[in-house]
Amino acid sequence: MNNSIQKGLMLKRLQKSQDKVVTFWFEKNPVQAQEGESVAAALLIAGVKYFRNAQVSAKPRMPYCWMGVCYECLLEIDGEQNQQSCLITVKDGMHVRRQLPAIEKI
């Protein structure tokens, strides 16, 4: 595994689920999640340490509010930027990436 996904979980599921397991891709790494989980939850359970870098300070950011208000969980999902990963449910085969701050895209 590369630095995108670290061993040693930050979060874990409270109980085993009977839900279907789906696989999606984060930064070219496969991630398994339970059907119905948010992208943000699945990534944190998988050990992802940060989701994006702040526009001005470039400090690492991650989900904060879990209800779509803070915008700290923004990711590129299936080619669409600025997606609130705390509000989007995982789907089998989806592709998720960190998005670069606008100043780095120039």
N, C-alpha and C. Protein backbone atom coordinates (compact mmCIF):
# COMPACT_ATOMS: atom_id res chain seq x y z
N MET A 1 0.83 -1.19 0.00
CA MET A 1 0.00 0.00 0.00
C MET A 1 0.87 1.24 0.00
N ASN A 2 0.40 2.28 -0.67
CA ASN A 2 1.16 3.52 -0.67
C ASN A 2 0.68 4.43 0.45
N ASN A 3 1.12 5.68 0.43
CA ASN A 3 0.76 6.61 1.51
C ASN A 3 -0.70 7.05 1.50
N SER A 4 -1.44 6.75 0.41
CA SER A 4 -2.84 7.13 0.35
C SER A 4 -3.66 6.38 1.38
N ILE A 5 -3.32 5.12 1.60
CA ILE A 5 -4.04 4.29 2.57
C ILE A 5 -3.01 3.70 3.51
N GLN A 6 -3.19 3.94 4.78
CA GLN A 6 -2.23 3.51 5.79
C GLN A 6 -2.77 2.31 6.56
N LYS A 7 -1.88 1.46 6.99
CA LYS A 7 -2.29 0.38 7.89
C LYS A 7 -2.54 0.97 9.27
N GLY A 8 -3.37 0.33 10.05
CA GLY A 8 -3.73 0.86 11.36
C GLY A 8 -4.96 1.73 11.20
N LEU A 9 -6.09 1.18 11.52
CA LEU A 9 -7.35 1.85 11.25
C LEU A 9 -7.62 3.01 12.19
N MET A 10 -8.17 4.08 11.63
CA MET A 10 -8.62 5.21 12.44
C MET A 10 -9.99 4.89 13.03
N LEU A 11 -10.82 4.24 12.25
CA LEU A 11 -12.17 3.87 12.65
C LEU A 11 -12.41 2.41 12.32
N LYS A 12 -13.41 1.83 12.93
CA LYS A 12 -13.80 0.48 12.57
C LYS A 12 -15.32 0.36 12.70
N ARG A 13 -15.86 -0.61 12.02
CA ARG A 13 -17.30 -0.85 12.08
C ARG A 13 -17.63 -1.44 13.45
N LEU A 14 -18.77 -1.05 13.99
CA LEU A 14 -19.17 -1.55 15.30
C LEU A 14 -19.59 -3.01 15.27
N GLN A 15 -20.16 -3.44 14.18
CA GLN A 15 -20.59 -4.82 14.08
C GLN A 15 -20.47 -5.31 12.66
N LYS A 16 -20.45 -6.60 12.51
CA LYS A 16 -20.42 -7.18 11.17
C LYS A 16 -21.78 -6.92 10.52
N SER A 17 -21.74 -6.52 9.29
CA SER A 17 -22.95 -6.22 8.55
C SER A 17 -23.28 -7.36 7.61
N GLN A 18 -24.55 -7.54 7.34
CA GLN A 18 -24.98 -8.52 6.36
C GLN A 18 -25.08 -7.89 4.98
N ASP A 19 -24.76 -6.58 4.90
CA ASP A 19 -24.84 -5.88 3.63
C ASP A 19 -23.79 -6.40 2.66
N LYS A 20 -24.06 -6.21 1.39
CA LYS A 20 -23.15 -6.60 0.32
C LYS A 20 -21.85 -5.80 0.41
N VAL A 21 -20.74 -6.45 0.14
CA VAL A 21 -19.45 -5.78 0.10
C VAL A 21 -19.21 -5.31 -1.33
N VAL A 22 -18.84 -4.04 -1.47
CA VAL A 22 -18.52 -3.47 -2.78
C VAL A 22 -17.06 -3.04 -2.77
N THR A 23 -16.48 -2.95 -3.95
CA THR A 23 -15.10 -2.49 -4.09
C THR A 23 -15.09 -1.25 -4.95
N PHE A 24 -14.44 -0.21 -4.46
CA PHE A 24 -14.24 0.99 -5.25
C PHE A 24 -12.77 1.34 -5.20
N TRP A 25 -12.37 2.33 -5.97
CA TRP A 25 -10.96 2.68 -6.09
C TRP A 25 -10.69 4.05 -5.52
N PHE A 26 -9.65 4.14 -4.68
CA PHE A 26 -9.21 5.42 -4.14
C PHE A 26 -7.73 5.58 -4.49
N GLU A 27 -7.43 6.58 -5.29
CA GLU A 27 -6.04 6.85 -5.67
C GLU A 27 -5.37 5.56 -6.18
N LYS A 28 -6.03 4.83 -7.01
CA LYS A 28 -5.53 3.60 -7.65
C LYS A 28 -5.44 2.40 -6.71
N ASN A 29 -5.99 2.51 -5.51
CA ASN A 29 -5.99 1.40 -4.56
C ASN A 29 -7.42 0.90 -4.37
N PRO A 30 -7.63 -0.42 -4.38
CA PRO A 30 -8.97 -0.94 -4.13
C PRO A 30 -9.34 -0.76 -2.65
N VAL A 31 -10.59 -0.40 -2.43
CA VAL A 31 -11.12 -0.24 -1.07
C VAL A 31 -12.42 -1.03 -1.00
N GLN A 32 -12.55 -1.86 0.02
CA GLN A 32 -13.80 -2.59 0.22
C GLN A 32 -14.64 -1.86 1.24
N ALA A 33 -15.94 -1.82 0.96
CA ALA A 33 -16.87 -1.12 1.83
C ALA A 33 -18.19 -1.88 1.86
N GLN A 34 -18.98 -1.58 2.85
CA GLN A 34 -20.32 -2.15 2.93
C GLN A 34 -21.27 -1.31 2.09
N GLU A 35 -22.09 -1.95 1.31
CA GLU A 35 -23.09 -1.24 0.52
C GLU A 35 -23.92 -0.37 1.47
N GLY A 36 -24.12 0.88 1.10
CA GLY A 36 -24.89 1.81 1.94
C GLY A 36 -24.03 2.76 2.75
N GLU A 37 -22.73 2.49 2.88
CA GLU A 37 -21.85 3.40 3.59
C GLU A 37 -21.55 4.63 2.75
N SER A 38 -21.25 5.72 3.40
CA SER A 38 -20.80 6.90 2.66
C SER A 38 -19.36 6.67 2.21
N VAL A 39 -18.98 7.38 1.16
CA VAL A 39 -17.60 7.30 0.68
C VAL A 39 -16.65 7.73 1.80
N ALA A 40 -17.00 8.81 2.51
CA ALA A 40 -16.15 9.31 3.59
C ALA A 40 -15.95 8.26 4.68
N ALA A 41 -17.02 7.62 5.12
CA ALA A 41 -16.91 6.60 6.16
C ALA A 41 -16.06 5.44 5.69
N ALA A 42 -16.28 4.98 4.47
CA ALA A 42 -15.52 3.86 3.94
C ALA A 42 -14.03 4.17 3.87
N LEU A 43 -13.69 5.39 3.47
CA LEU A 43 -12.29 5.77 3.37
C LEU A 43 -11.63 5.85 4.76
N LEU A 44 -12.33 6.41 5.72
CA LEU A 44 -11.77 6.49 7.07
C LEU A 44 -11.59 5.10 7.68
N ILE A 45 -12.56 4.23 7.46
CA ILE A 45 -12.44 2.85 7.96
C ILE A 45 -11.26 2.16 7.30
N ALA A 46 -11.00 2.49 6.02
CA ALA A 46 -9.88 1.89 5.30
C ALA A 46 -8.53 2.46 5.72
N GLY A 47 -8.53 3.51 6.55
CA GLY A 47 -7.28 4.05 7.06
C GLY A 47 -6.76 5.28 6.34
N VAL A 48 -7.57 5.89 5.48
CA VAL A 48 -7.13 7.11 4.79
C VAL A 48 -6.97 8.22 5.83
N LYS A 49 -5.82 8.89 5.80
CA LYS A 49 -5.48 9.88 6.83
C LYS A 49 -5.95 11.30 6.51
N TYR A 50 -6.13 11.62 5.24
CA TYR A 50 -6.65 12.94 4.88
C TYR A 50 -7.31 12.85 3.52
N PHE A 51 -8.21 13.79 3.25
CA PHE A 51 -8.99 13.76 2.02
C PHE A 51 -8.53 14.80 1.00
N ARG A 52 -8.12 15.93 1.47
CA ARG A 52 -7.72 17.01 0.58
C ARG A 52 -6.78 17.94 1.32
N ASN A 53 -6.24 18.92 0.61
CA ASN A 53 -5.42 19.95 1.24
C ASN A 53 -6.16 21.28 1.16
N ALA A 54 -6.05 22.06 2.22
CA ALA A 54 -6.71 23.37 2.26
C ALA A 54 -6.18 24.26 1.14
N GLN A 55 -7.04 25.09 0.59
CA GLN A 55 -6.67 25.96 -0.53
C GLN A 55 -5.50 26.88 -0.20
N VAL A 56 -5.52 27.54 0.95
CA VAL A 56 -4.51 28.54 1.27
C VAL A 56 -3.31 27.94 2.00
N SER A 57 -3.57 27.21 3.08
CA SER A 57 -2.47 26.71 3.90
C SER A 57 -1.88 25.39 3.41
N ALA A 58 -2.61 24.68 2.56
CA ALA A 58 -2.22 23.35 2.06
C ALA A 58 -2.18 22.29 3.17
N LYS A 59 -2.76 22.59 4.33
CA LYS A 59 -2.81 21.61 5.42
C LYS A 59 -3.83 20.52 5.08
N PRO A 60 -3.56 19.29 5.52
CA PRO A 60 -4.48 18.19 5.24
C PRO A 60 -5.83 18.39 5.93
N ARG A 61 -6.89 18.02 5.24
CA ARG A 61 -8.25 18.16 5.75
C ARG A 61 -8.96 16.81 5.67
N MET A 62 -9.97 16.64 6.50
CA MET A 62 -10.79 15.44 6.49
C MET A 62 -12.20 15.77 6.97
N PRO A 63 -13.15 14.86 6.86
CA PRO A 63 -14.54 15.15 7.24
C PRO A 63 -14.65 15.68 8.66
N TYR A 64 -15.59 16.60 8.83
CA TYR A 64 -15.78 17.23 10.13
C TYR A 64 -17.24 17.14 10.58
N CYS A 65 -18.16 17.63 9.76
CA CYS A 65 -19.54 17.76 10.22
C CYS A 65 -20.42 16.55 9.91
N TRP A 66 -20.13 15.81 8.88
CA TRP A 66 -20.87 14.62 8.45
C TRP A 66 -22.31 14.91 8.01
N MET A 67 -22.59 16.16 7.65
CA MET A 67 -23.93 16.49 7.16
C MET A 67 -23.91 17.47 6.00
N GLY A 68 -22.76 17.64 5.36
CA GLY A 68 -22.68 18.44 4.16
C GLY A 68 -22.58 19.94 4.35
N VAL A 69 -22.22 20.38 5.54
CA VAL A 69 -22.14 21.82 5.81
C VAL A 69 -20.71 22.35 5.72
N CYS A 70 -19.74 21.59 6.14
CA CYS A 70 -18.37 22.11 6.27
C CYS A 70 -17.53 22.02 4.99
N TYR A 71 -17.86 21.14 4.08
CA TYR A 71 -17.14 20.95 2.82
C TYR A 71 -15.69 20.47 2.99
N GLU A 72 -15.36 19.90 4.12
CA GLU A 72 -14.00 19.40 4.34
C GLU A 72 -13.79 18.04 3.69
N CYS A 73 -14.84 17.38 3.28
CA CYS A 73 -14.74 16.03 2.74
C CYS A 73 -14.75 16.00 1.21
N LEU A 74 -14.52 17.14 0.57
CA LEU A 74 -14.60 17.20 -0.88
C LEU A 74 -13.58 16.30 -1.56
N LEU A 75 -14.07 15.52 -2.52
CA LEU A 75 -13.23 14.63 -3.31
C LEU A 75 -13.69 14.66 -4.76
N GLU A 76 -12.86 14.12 -5.63
CA GLU A 76 -13.28 13.91 -7.01
C GLU A 76 -13.82 12.49 -7.09
N ILE A 77 -15.08 12.36 -7.48
CA ILE A 77 -15.72 11.05 -7.54
C ILE A 77 -16.21 10.81 -8.97
N ASP A 78 -15.72 9.75 -9.56
CA ASP A 78 -16.05 9.40 -10.95
C ASP A 78 -15.88 10.60 -11.89
N GLY A 79 -14.77 11.32 -11.70
CA GLY A 79 -14.42 12.42 -12.59
C GLY A 79 -15.07 13.75 -12.26
N GLU A 80 -15.97 13.80 -11.30
CA GLU A 80 -16.63 15.05 -10.91
C GLU A 80 -15.98 15.59 -9.64
N GLN A 81 -15.49 16.82 -9.73
CA GLN A 81 -14.83 17.44 -8.59
C GLN A 81 -15.86 18.00 -7.60
N ASN A 82 -15.35 18.36 -6.42
CA ASN A 82 -16.15 19.01 -5.37
C ASN A 82 -17.35 18.20 -4.91
N GLN A 83 -17.17 16.90 -4.81
CA GLN A 83 -18.24 16.03 -4.34
C GLN A 83 -18.13 15.85 -2.83
N GLN A 84 -19.22 16.04 -2.13
CA GLN A 84 -19.23 15.89 -0.67
C GLN A 84 -19.30 14.40 -0.34
N SER A 85 -18.16 13.84 -0.01
CA SER A 85 -18.06 12.39 0.18
C SER A 85 -18.83 11.88 1.40
N CYS A 86 -19.17 12.76 2.32
CA CYS A 86 -19.96 12.31 3.48
C CYS A 86 -21.42 12.09 3.11
N LEU A 87 -21.85 12.60 1.96
CA LEU A 87 -23.25 12.48 1.54
C LEU A 87 -23.44 11.50 0.38
N ILE A 88 -22.36 10.96 -0.15
CA ILE A 88 -22.44 10.08 -1.31
C ILE A 88 -22.19 8.64 -0.89
N THR A 89 -23.07 7.76 -1.32
CA THR A 89 -22.99 6.34 -0.99
C THR A 89 -22.03 5.63 -1.93
N VAL A 90 -21.24 4.72 -1.38
CA VAL A 90 -20.29 3.97 -2.21
C VAL A 90 -21.05 3.13 -3.24
N LYS A 91 -20.41 2.99 -4.40
CA LYS A 91 -20.94 2.12 -5.44
C LYS A 91 -19.79 1.26 -5.96
N ASP A 92 -20.12 0.04 -6.30
CA ASP A 92 -19.10 -0.87 -6.81
C ASP A 92 -18.45 -0.29 -8.05
N GLY A 93 -17.11 -0.24 -8.06
CA GLY A 93 -16.36 0.21 -9.22
C GLY A 93 -16.15 1.71 -9.33
N MET A 94 -16.68 2.51 -8.40
CA MET A 94 -16.49 3.96 -8.52
C MET A 94 -15.02 4.30 -8.31
N HIS A 95 -14.61 5.43 -8.90
CA HIS A 95 -13.24 5.91 -8.80
C HIS A 95 -13.22 7.22 -8.02
N VAL A 96 -12.42 7.24 -6.95
CA VAL A 96 -12.36 8.39 -6.05
C VAL A 96 -10.92 8.86 -5.97
N ARG A 97 -10.75 10.18 -6.03
CA ARG A 97 -9.41 10.77 -5.92
C ARG A 97 -9.47 12.03 -5.08
N ARG A 98 -8.33 12.34 -4.48
CA ARG A 98 -8.20 13.66 -3.86
C ARG A 98 -8.18 14.67 -4.99
N GLN A 99 -8.71 15.84 -4.75
CA GLN A 99 -8.60 16.86 -5.78
C GLN A 99 -7.57 17.89 -5.32
N LEU A 100 -6.81 18.37 -6.27
CA LEU A 100 -5.78 19.34 -5.98
C LEU A 100 -6.40 20.71 -5.76
N PRO A 101 -5.83 21.51 -4.84
CA PRO A 101 -6.31 22.89 -4.70
C PRO A 101 -6.17 23.61 -6.04
N ALA A 102 -7.02 24.58 -6.28
CA ALA A 102 -7.05 25.29 -7.56
C ALA A 102 -5.69 25.88 -7.91
N ILE A 103 -4.93 26.35 -6.91
CA ILE A 103 -3.63 26.97 -7.20
C ILE A 103 -2.62 25.96 -7.72
N GLU A 104 -2.80 24.65 -7.43
CA GLU A 104 -1.87 23.64 -7.91
C GLU A 104 -2.21 23.19 -9.32
N LYS A 105 -3.41 23.49 -9.81
CA LYS A 105 -3.84 23.03 -11.12
C LYS A 105 -3.29 23.89 -12.24
N ILE A 106 -2.81 25.04 -11.93
CA ILE A 106 -2.34 25.98 -12.94
C ILE A 106 -1.04 25.51 -13.56
